[in-house]
Amino acid sequence: MKSFGKIGIKATTNWYKMNLSADEKKQYNRHLILEDIGLEGQLKLKQAKILVIGAGGLGCPVLQYLSAAGIGTIGVVDDDTVDQSNLQRQVLFSHQDIGKSKAESVVQRLQLLNPYITFNVYKTRLTKDNALDLFKDYDAIVDGTDNFPTRYLISDAAVLSNKPVVFGSIFKFDGQVSVFNYQNGPTYRCLFPSSPLPNEVPSCSEIGVLGVLPGIIGSLQAAEVLKIVLNLGTVLSGKLFSFSVLTMKQRIFSFERNTFISITSLANDYQEFCGISAAANEISFQEYEKQTAQFNLLDVRTQLERDDFHINGLHIPLHDLSERFQEIPQDKKLLVYCMSGVRSKLAIDFLQKNGFSQTLVNLRGGCSSEYSN
C-alpha cells in the first residue's frame, strides 16, 4: 500500500481506523486503483470536512465533484433561491427547483449521486456573526461567492480559524483560481489589499458570463481541494491561475505573503470596507404599490433586462450612472431597482456620495417579471 507521508489537512481522527463498505469500494473504484490515491487516499477523502460558500455557478461544479470524489462531510452555505436565469450555468438545478432553496435543492440532487457522505445545509448568508462558528467544524473552505465583501470576510475568518481557502472567480469569459492561507501562505488580502470601487467590477447579473466558464473554474477549485486533502501535486498557494475561454490561454502569477497585514479580528462592516454603504431605506414592491405617487423610479439594470420587462421609470444602467446621474429628477422620493437589489444598493450609495438630498429607497429583493406592466 502506497505511503502518503504528510497529510495535507490535519487529521481529526485516525484515517486508518476507518474503512469503506463494499458499495463504497464499487463507487470509488477508479480512485482505489489509482496509484497516487488508493485505499489510504480514499479514506482521507472520507474523513475530510469541506465547507462550500455559495451554491451557484462555481458552487455547483465544486459540490458535484467533491461529492463524487467521496469527501466525507460537505457543508453548503447559501441563503438564495433558484431563479430561471441561474439554469444557464448552474447545472445542478432544473425548472422544478425554481423558487426553492439553492442549498437544499443542490443537496437533494447530490444525495442521489453519492448516498455515502454527509451534507450539512446552512440556508443563511455568511456574516461576521456566524463565519467563525461555521468555519471551526471544517478542514478547508471553498469560496464560490461573487462579491468582494464576502470574499474579504471569508479570507479574514479563515486566517482567524487557520483554514485554507480555495478561491475562484469568473468574469465574462475569464476565470481565476488560487488557494489562500495554506500552510501559513499568502491570503486574499496579500493579493488584493484593497477592494475595487463598487462600480469598477460589474457582476455577472449586469454583464453576463459564458455558461461553461463556471464549470471549468469550479472544477479546478474542486481539484485544488482534493490535492490539499491528499497532499498531491503543487497547490496553488501564492499563485493565481488565470484562464481565458476565448483564447484558451493560461497564466500563473506568483504573489507573496504580505507580512505587514495582520488580521486579529473580523471587520465591523465588510460592505463599508468595500466602499458600499447600506441602503438607509428599503421597501417591497407591494409596499411601493400602495404609495406609487410618492416616488420616481430608477431602473439600473442592463438594456437587455429592460427590454425583457420593467416596472416603468427612468432607465440608467449602473455602469452609466456616473455620467448620467444629473438626468434623475429630484422632486420626489427615488425608488431604485434592479434584478436582485444589489446593483440598486450600489446606485444609491453612489447617489448619496454625489449630493442627492432627496430620500433614496431600495426595492428590496429586486424586481421580477410578475411585477411588470
Protein backbone atom coordinates (compact mmCIF):
# COMPACT_ATOMS: atom_id res chain seq x y z
CA MET A 1 0.00 0.00 0.00
CA LYS A 2 1.39 3.38 -1.02
CA SER A 3 2.54 5.64 1.82
CA PHE A 4 1.37 9.24 1.66
CA GLY A 5 3.68 10.80 4.20
CA LYS A 6 2.37 14.13 5.44
CA ILE A 7 -1.41 14.51 5.32
CA GLY A 8 -2.48 17.68 3.56
CA ILE A 9 -5.18 18.54 6.12
CA LYS A 10 -4.60 17.88 9.79
CA ALA A 11 -6.37 14.69 10.80
CA THR A 12 -9.15 14.94 13.38
CA THR A 13 -9.41 11.13 13.67
CA ASN A 14 -7.11 8.32 12.60
CA TRP A 15 -7.98 7.62 8.98
CA TYR A 16 -6.54 4.13 9.18
CA LYS A 17 -9.20 3.17 11.74
CA MET A 18 -11.88 3.92 9.15
CA ASN A 19 -12.97 1.59 6.39
CA LEU A 20 -15.00 1.53 3.19
CA SER A 21 -18.09 -0.58 2.69
CA ALA A 22 -18.36 -2.92 -0.27
CA ASP A 23 -20.63 -0.43 -2.03
CA GLU A 24 -18.23 2.43 -1.36
CA LYS A 25 -15.41 0.41 -2.87
CA LYS A 26 -17.51 -0.02 -6.00
CA GLN A 27 -18.34 3.70 -6.03
CA TYR A 28 -14.72 4.81 -5.73
CA ASN A 29 -13.12 2.03 -7.78
CA ARG A 30 -11.27 4.37 -10.13
CA HIS A 31 -9.70 6.13 -7.18
CA LEU A 32 -8.80 2.89 -5.46
CA ILE A 33 -6.90 1.59 -8.48
CA LEU A 34 -5.15 4.94 -8.98
CA GLU A 35 -1.67 4.50 -7.52
CA ASP A 36 -1.46 8.00 -6.00
CA ILE A 37 -4.79 7.65 -4.17
CA GLY A 38 -5.66 4.04 -3.38
CA LEU A 39 -7.42 3.00 -0.18
CA GLU A 40 -5.39 5.32 2.06
CA GLY A 41 -6.24 8.34 -0.04
CA GLN A 42 -9.90 7.45 -0.30
CA LEU A 43 -10.12 7.12 3.47
CA LYS A 44 -8.58 10.57 3.83
CA LEU A 45 -11.23 11.93 1.47
CA LYS A 46 -13.90 10.22 3.55
CA GLN A 47 -12.54 11.84 6.70
CA ALA A 48 -12.29 15.33 5.21
CA LYS A 49 -14.81 18.08 6.00
CA ILE A 50 -15.17 20.86 3.42
CA LEU A 51 -17.36 23.96 3.65
CA VAL A 52 -18.54 25.45 0.35
CA ILE A 53 -19.74 29.06 0.45
CA GLY A 54 -22.20 29.58 -2.40
CA ALA A 55 -24.21 27.01 -4.35
CA GLY A 56 -24.29 28.97 -7.60
CA GLY A 57 -22.19 28.95 -10.76
CA LEU A 58 -18.94 27.97 -9.05
CA GLY A 59 -20.51 26.08 -6.19
CA CYS A 60 -22.39 23.64 -8.43
CA PRO A 61 -19.32 22.05 -10.10
CA VAL A 62 -17.32 22.21 -6.86
CA LEU A 63 -20.06 20.42 -4.95
CA GLN A 64 -20.68 17.91 -7.72
CA TYR A 65 -17.06 16.79 -7.96
CA LEU A 66 -16.34 16.84 -4.23
CA SER A 67 -19.42 14.70 -3.70
CA ALA A 68 -18.44 12.31 -6.47
CA ALA A 69 -14.90 12.08 -5.08
CA GLY A 70 -16.19 10.99 -1.68
CA ILE A 71 -15.45 13.95 0.59
CA GLY A 72 -16.98 12.63 3.81
CA THR A 73 -18.68 15.79 5.08
CA ILE A 74 -19.71 18.73 2.91
CA GLY A 75 -21.29 21.92 4.21
CA VAL A 76 -23.27 24.18 1.88
CA VAL A 77 -23.87 27.83 2.78
CA ASP A 78 -26.36 29.75 0.63
CA ASP A 79 -29.46 31.76 1.51
CA ASP A 80 -30.59 32.28 -2.09
CA THR A 81 -33.34 30.59 -4.08
CA VAL A 82 -33.17 29.20 -7.61
CA ASP A 83 -34.08 31.64 -10.39
CA GLN A 84 -34.68 30.65 -14.00
CA SER A 85 -31.73 32.80 -15.08
CA ASN A 86 -29.47 30.52 -13.00
CA LEU A 87 -30.12 27.49 -15.20
CA GLN A 88 -27.81 28.70 -18.00
CA ARG A 89 -24.77 27.83 -15.84
CA GLN A 90 -25.86 26.32 -12.51
CA VAL A 91 -26.33 22.85 -13.91
CA LEU A 92 -27.38 21.02 -10.75
CA PHE A 93 -30.76 22.77 -10.83
CA SER A 94 -33.82 22.25 -13.04
CA HIS A 95 -37.07 24.08 -13.75
CA GLN A 96 -38.63 22.12 -10.90
CA ASP A 97 -36.22 23.83 -8.49
CA ILE A 98 -37.18 27.42 -9.40
CA GLY A 99 -38.14 29.31 -6.27
CA LYS A 100 -36.68 26.68 -3.96
CA SER A 101 -33.66 26.95 -1.66
CA LYS A 102 -30.40 26.51 -3.57
CA ALA A 103 -28.68 24.83 -0.63
CA GLU A 104 -31.49 22.33 -0.11
CA SER A 105 -32.01 21.66 -3.81
CA VAL A 106 -28.35 21.05 -4.54
CA VAL A 107 -28.01 18.65 -1.61
CA GLN A 108 -31.10 16.69 -2.66
CA ARG A 109 -29.53 16.26 -6.09
CA LEU A 110 -26.12 15.28 -4.74
CA GLN A 111 -27.52 12.72 -2.32
CA LEU A 112 -28.68 10.83 -5.41
CA LEU A 113 -25.11 10.93 -6.72
CA ASN A 114 -23.46 9.78 -3.50
CA PRO A 115 -25.53 8.49 -0.56
CA TYR A 116 -22.41 7.55 1.44
CA ILE A 117 -21.41 11.04 2.55
CA THR A 118 -22.84 13.63 4.95
CA PHE A 119 -24.24 17.00 3.89
CA ASN A 120 -24.84 19.96 6.17
CA VAL A 121 -27.23 22.61 4.83
CA TYR A 122 -26.96 26.22 6.00
CA LYS A 123 -29.74 28.32 4.50
CA THR A 124 -28.14 31.52 5.67
CA ARG A 125 -25.92 34.32 4.44
CA LEU A 126 -22.34 34.24 5.64
CA THR A 127 -21.80 37.15 8.05
CA LYS A 128 -19.22 38.27 10.56
CA ASP A 129 -21.54 36.91 13.26
CA ASN A 130 -21.62 33.32 12.01
CA ALA A 131 -18.44 32.86 9.95
CA LEU A 132 -16.12 31.73 12.75
CA ASP A 133 -18.68 29.29 14.15
CA LEU A 134 -19.21 27.77 10.71
CA PHE A 135 -15.52 27.52 9.85
CA LYS A 136 -14.42 25.79 13.06
CA ASP A 137 -16.05 22.48 12.12
CA TYR A 138 -14.37 22.16 8.70
CA ASP A 139 -10.89 21.47 7.35
CA ALA A 140 -10.98 23.83 4.37
CA ILE A 141 -13.23 26.48 2.87
CA VAL A 142 -14.25 26.88 -0.77
CA ASP A 143 -15.09 30.44 -1.84
CA GLY A 144 -17.75 30.28 -4.55
CA THR A 145 -19.10 33.77 -3.94
CA ASP A 146 -19.46 36.66 -6.37
CA ASN A 147 -18.95 39.79 -4.29
CA PHE A 148 -15.97 41.46 -2.66
CA PRO A 149 -17.34 42.00 0.88
CA THR A 150 -17.94 38.28 1.33
CA ARG A 151 -14.54 37.37 -0.17
CA TYR A 152 -12.75 39.58 2.37
CA LEU A 153 -14.91 38.17 5.16
CA ILE A 154 -14.07 34.60 4.11
CA SER A 155 -10.37 35.41 3.97
CA ASP A 156 -10.27 37.08 7.38
CA ALA A 157 -12.35 34.36 9.05
CA ALA A 158 -10.10 31.71 7.50
CA VAL A 159 -7.00 33.41 8.89
CA LEU A 160 -8.52 33.56 12.36
CA SER A 161 -9.66 29.93 12.06
CA ASN A 162 -6.40 28.76 10.46
CA LYS A 163 -8.22 27.23 7.47
CA PRO A 164 -7.10 27.19 3.81
CA VAL A 165 -9.41 28.83 1.28
CA VAL A 166 -9.83 27.59 -2.29
CA PHE A 167 -10.82 30.68 -4.26
CA GLY A 168 -12.44 31.05 -7.66
CA SER A 169 -13.82 33.98 -9.62
CA ILE A 170 -15.35 34.48 -13.06
CA PHE A 171 -15.80 37.49 -15.32
CA LYS A 172 -17.46 37.22 -18.75
CA PHE A 173 -15.04 34.80 -20.48
CA ASP A 174 -12.22 34.75 -17.92
CA GLY A 175 -11.67 32.95 -14.64
CA GLN A 176 -9.20 32.80 -11.77
CA VAL A 177 -8.28 30.20 -9.16
CA SER A 178 -5.99 30.39 -6.14
CA VAL A 179 -5.50 28.90 -2.68
CA PHE A 180 -5.15 31.27 0.27
CA ASN A 181 -3.89 30.79 3.81
CA TYR A 182 -2.50 27.33 3.02
CA GLN A 183 0.21 26.29 5.50
CA ASN A 184 0.70 29.93 6.53
CA GLY A 185 0.83 31.03 2.89
CA PRO A 186 -0.44 34.29 1.36
CA THR A 187 -4.05 35.33 1.90
CA TYR A 188 -6.64 37.06 -0.25
CA ARG A 189 -5.60 40.40 1.28
CA CYS A 190 -1.99 39.76 0.23
CA LEU A 191 -3.17 39.59 -3.39
CA PHE A 192 -5.85 42.28 -3.10
CA PRO A 193 -5.01 44.62 -0.18
CA SER A 194 -7.89 46.92 -1.06
CA SER A 195 -11.21 46.36 -2.73
CA PRO A 196 -12.02 47.91 -6.14
CA LEU A 197 -14.59 50.67 -6.15
CA PRO A 198 -18.20 49.40 -6.26
CA ASN A 199 -18.75 50.43 -9.89
CA GLU A 200 -15.41 49.17 -11.22
CA VAL A 201 -16.20 45.45 -11.46
CA PRO A 202 -19.73 44.69 -12.73
CA SER A 203 -21.40 41.49 -11.60
CA CYS A 204 -22.46 38.60 -13.81
CA SER A 205 -26.07 39.75 -13.49
CA GLU A 206 -25.07 43.04 -15.10
CA ILE A 207 -22.67 41.97 -17.87
CA GLY A 208 -23.28 38.23 -18.22
CA VAL A 209 -20.98 35.21 -18.21
CA LEU A 210 -20.37 32.34 -20.63
CA GLY A 211 -22.29 29.39 -19.23
CA VAL A 212 -19.46 26.85 -19.35
CA LEU A 213 -16.92 29.08 -17.59
CA PRO A 214 -18.12 28.43 -14.00
CA GLY A 215 -17.94 24.71 -14.75
CA ILE A 216 -14.30 24.99 -15.77
CA ILE A 217 -13.23 27.19 -12.86
CA GLY A 218 -15.32 25.31 -10.30
CA SER A 219 -13.81 22.01 -11.44
CA LEU A 220 -10.34 23.47 -10.94
CA GLN A 221 -11.34 24.56 -7.44
CA ALA A 222 -12.50 21.04 -6.69
CA ALA A 223 -9.16 19.72 -7.94
CA GLU A 224 -7.30 22.03 -5.54
CA VAL A 225 -9.41 20.76 -2.64
CA LEU A 226 -8.56 17.14 -3.49
CA LYS A 227 -4.86 17.99 -3.83
CA ILE A 228 -4.92 19.63 -0.39
CA VAL A 229 -6.68 16.69 1.26
CA LEU A 230 -4.47 14.09 -0.43
CA ASN A 231 -1.24 16.12 -0.29
CA LEU A 232 -0.75 15.63 -4.03
CA GLY A 233 0.93 17.82 -6.62
CA THR A 234 1.57 21.53 -6.21
CA VAL A 235 -1.18 23.52 -4.53
CA LEU A 236 -1.89 26.99 -5.96
CA SER A 237 -0.69 28.71 -2.80
CA GLY A 238 0.93 32.06 -3.58
CA LYS A 239 -0.11 31.60 -7.19
CA LEU A 240 -3.06 32.99 -9.15
CA PHE A 241 -4.15 30.83 -12.08
CA SER A 242 -5.81 32.85 -14.86
CA PHE A 243 -7.72 31.33 -17.77
CA SER A 244 -9.47 32.71 -20.86
CA VAL A 245 -12.10 30.64 -22.66
CA LEU A 246 -11.81 32.77 -25.80
CA THR A 247 -8.07 32.28 -26.31
CA MET A 248 -7.52 29.17 -24.13
CA LYS A 249 -4.52 30.99 -22.67
CA GLN A 250 -3.47 30.03 -19.16
CA ARG A 251 -1.19 32.07 -16.96
CA ILE A 252 0.05 31.69 -13.41
CA PHE A 253 1.04 34.80 -11.46
CA SER A 254 3.05 34.48 -8.25
CA PHE A 255 2.50 36.63 -5.18
CA GLU A 256 3.96 36.59 -1.69
CA ARG A 257 2.66 36.87 1.82
CA ASN A 258 2.39 40.47 2.98
CA THR A 259 3.91 40.45 6.46
CA PHE A 260 2.54 43.93 7.16
CA ILE A 261 -1.04 42.64 7.06
CA SER A 262 -2.23 41.32 10.41
CA ILE A 263 -5.77 40.03 11.00
CA THR A 264 -6.70 39.96 14.68
CA SER A 265 -10.49 40.22 14.39
CA LEU A 266 -13.25 40.45 11.82
CA ALA A 267 -14.15 43.88 10.48
CA ASN A 268 -17.31 45.51 11.77
CA ASP A 269 -18.69 46.15 8.28
CA TYR A 270 -17.29 44.49 5.14
CA GLN A 271 -19.72 46.40 2.94
CA GLU A 272 -18.24 49.64 4.25
CA PHE A 273 -14.68 48.32 3.78
CA CYS A 274 -15.51 47.72 0.11
CA GLY A 275 -16.99 51.19 -0.28
CA ILE A 276 -20.60 50.07 -0.19
CA SER A 277 -22.91 51.88 2.19
CA ALA A 278 -26.02 50.02 3.24
CA ALA A 279 -29.20 51.48 1.80
CA ALA A 280 -30.91 53.51 4.50
CA ASN A 281 -34.42 52.58 3.34
CA GLU A 282 -35.87 49.52 1.66
CA ILE A 283 -39.42 48.63 0.69
CA SER A 284 -41.03 45.69 -1.07
CA PHE A 285 -42.81 46.03 -4.40
CA GLN A 286 -46.13 45.53 -2.63
CA GLU A 287 -45.33 48.43 -0.29
CA TYR A 288 -44.35 50.58 -3.25
CA GLU A 289 -47.67 49.86 -5.00
CA LYS A 290 -49.54 51.45 -2.09
CA GLN A 291 -47.67 54.75 -2.48
CA THR A 292 -46.62 54.99 -6.12
CA ALA A 293 -47.46 58.71 -6.34
CA GLN A 294 -44.70 59.49 -3.84
CA PHE A 295 -41.90 58.03 -5.95
CA ASN A 296 -39.88 58.46 -9.08
CA LEU A 297 -38.40 55.20 -10.36
CA LEU A 298 -34.84 54.45 -11.47
CA ASP A 299 -34.00 51.19 -13.23
CA VAL A 300 -30.24 50.44 -13.10
CA ARG A 301 -30.33 47.12 -14.95
CA THR A 302 -28.90 46.46 -18.41
CA GLN A 303 -30.71 47.30 -21.63
CA LEU A 304 -31.35 43.61 -22.26
CA GLU A 305 -33.01 43.23 -18.88
CA ARG A 306 -35.01 46.37 -19.50
CA ASP A 307 -36.24 45.12 -22.88
CA ASP A 308 -37.37 41.87 -21.28
CA PHE A 309 -39.58 43.61 -18.71
CA HIS A 310 -39.66 46.67 -16.46
CA ILE A 311 -41.88 48.48 -13.97
CA ASN A 312 -41.51 51.87 -15.67
CA GLY A 313 -39.30 54.73 -14.54
CA LEU A 314 -36.08 56.26 -15.84
CA HIS A 315 -33.55 53.75 -17.16
CA ILE A 316 -29.84 54.34 -16.50
CA PRO A 317 -27.66 51.18 -16.35
CA LEU A 318 -25.41 51.13 -13.31
CA HIS A 319 -22.24 51.40 -15.39
CA ASP A 320 -23.58 54.63 -16.98
CA LEU A 321 -24.75 56.22 -13.74
CA SER A 322 -21.60 58.28 -13.12
CA GLU A 323 -22.08 60.08 -16.44
CA ARG A 324 -25.87 60.42 -16.42
CA PHE A 325 -26.98 60.86 -12.81
CA GLN A 326 -27.83 64.53 -13.49
CA GLU A 327 -30.80 63.28 -15.53
CA ILE A 328 -32.55 61.98 -12.41
CA PRO A 329 -35.42 64.21 -11.21
CA GLN A 330 -35.29 65.24 -7.56
CA ASP A 331 -38.88 66.37 -6.97
CA LYS A 332 -39.94 63.12 -5.22
CA LYS A 333 -38.54 60.19 -3.33
CA LEU A 334 -36.50 57.94 -5.62
CA LEU A 335 -37.07 54.18 -5.68
CA VAL A 336 -34.10 52.40 -7.27
CA TYR A 337 -34.44 48.86 -8.58
CA CYS A 338 -32.51 46.08 -10.28
CA MET A 339 -32.96 42.32 -10.54
CA SER A 340 -31.89 41.34 -7.04
CA GLY A 341 -31.43 44.53 -5.03
CA VAL A 342 -27.63 44.50 -5.13
CA ARG A 343 -26.91 46.90 -8.01
CA SER A 344 -29.63 49.24 -6.77
CA LYS A 345 -27.80 49.48 -3.41
CA LEU A 346 -24.63 50.41 -5.27
CA ALA A 347 -26.54 53.05 -7.19
CA ILE A 348 -27.97 54.52 -4.00
CA ASP A 349 -24.53 54.61 -2.46
CA PHE A 350 -23.18 56.47 -5.49
CA LEU A 351 -26.02 58.99 -5.46
CA GLN A 352 -25.62 59.63 -1.73
CA LYS A 353 -21.92 60.32 -2.23
CA ASN A 354 -22.74 62.73 -5.05
CA GLY A 355 -25.03 65.05 -3.16
CA PHE A 356 -28.53 63.71 -3.77
CA SER A 357 -30.60 65.12 -0.94
CA GLN A 358 -33.99 63.51 -1.64
CA THR A 359 -35.00 60.23 0.01
CA LEU A 360 -33.41 57.26 -1.75
CA VAL A 361 -35.15 53.91 -1.35
CA ASN A 362 -34.04 50.45 -2.47
CA LEU A 363 -36.50 47.92 -3.87
CA ARG A 364 -35.97 45.02 -1.51
CA GLY A 365 -35.07 41.81 -3.32
CA GLY A 366 -35.26 43.47 -6.72
CA CYS A 367 -38.00 43.14 -9.32
CA SER A 368 -39.28 40.22 -11.32
CA SER A 369 -41.41 39.87 -14.45
CA GLU A 370 -44.51 39.21 -12.36
CA TYR A 371 -44.42 42.90 -11.35
CA SER A 372 -44.13 44.26 -14.90
CA ASN A 373 -46.88 46.07 -16.75
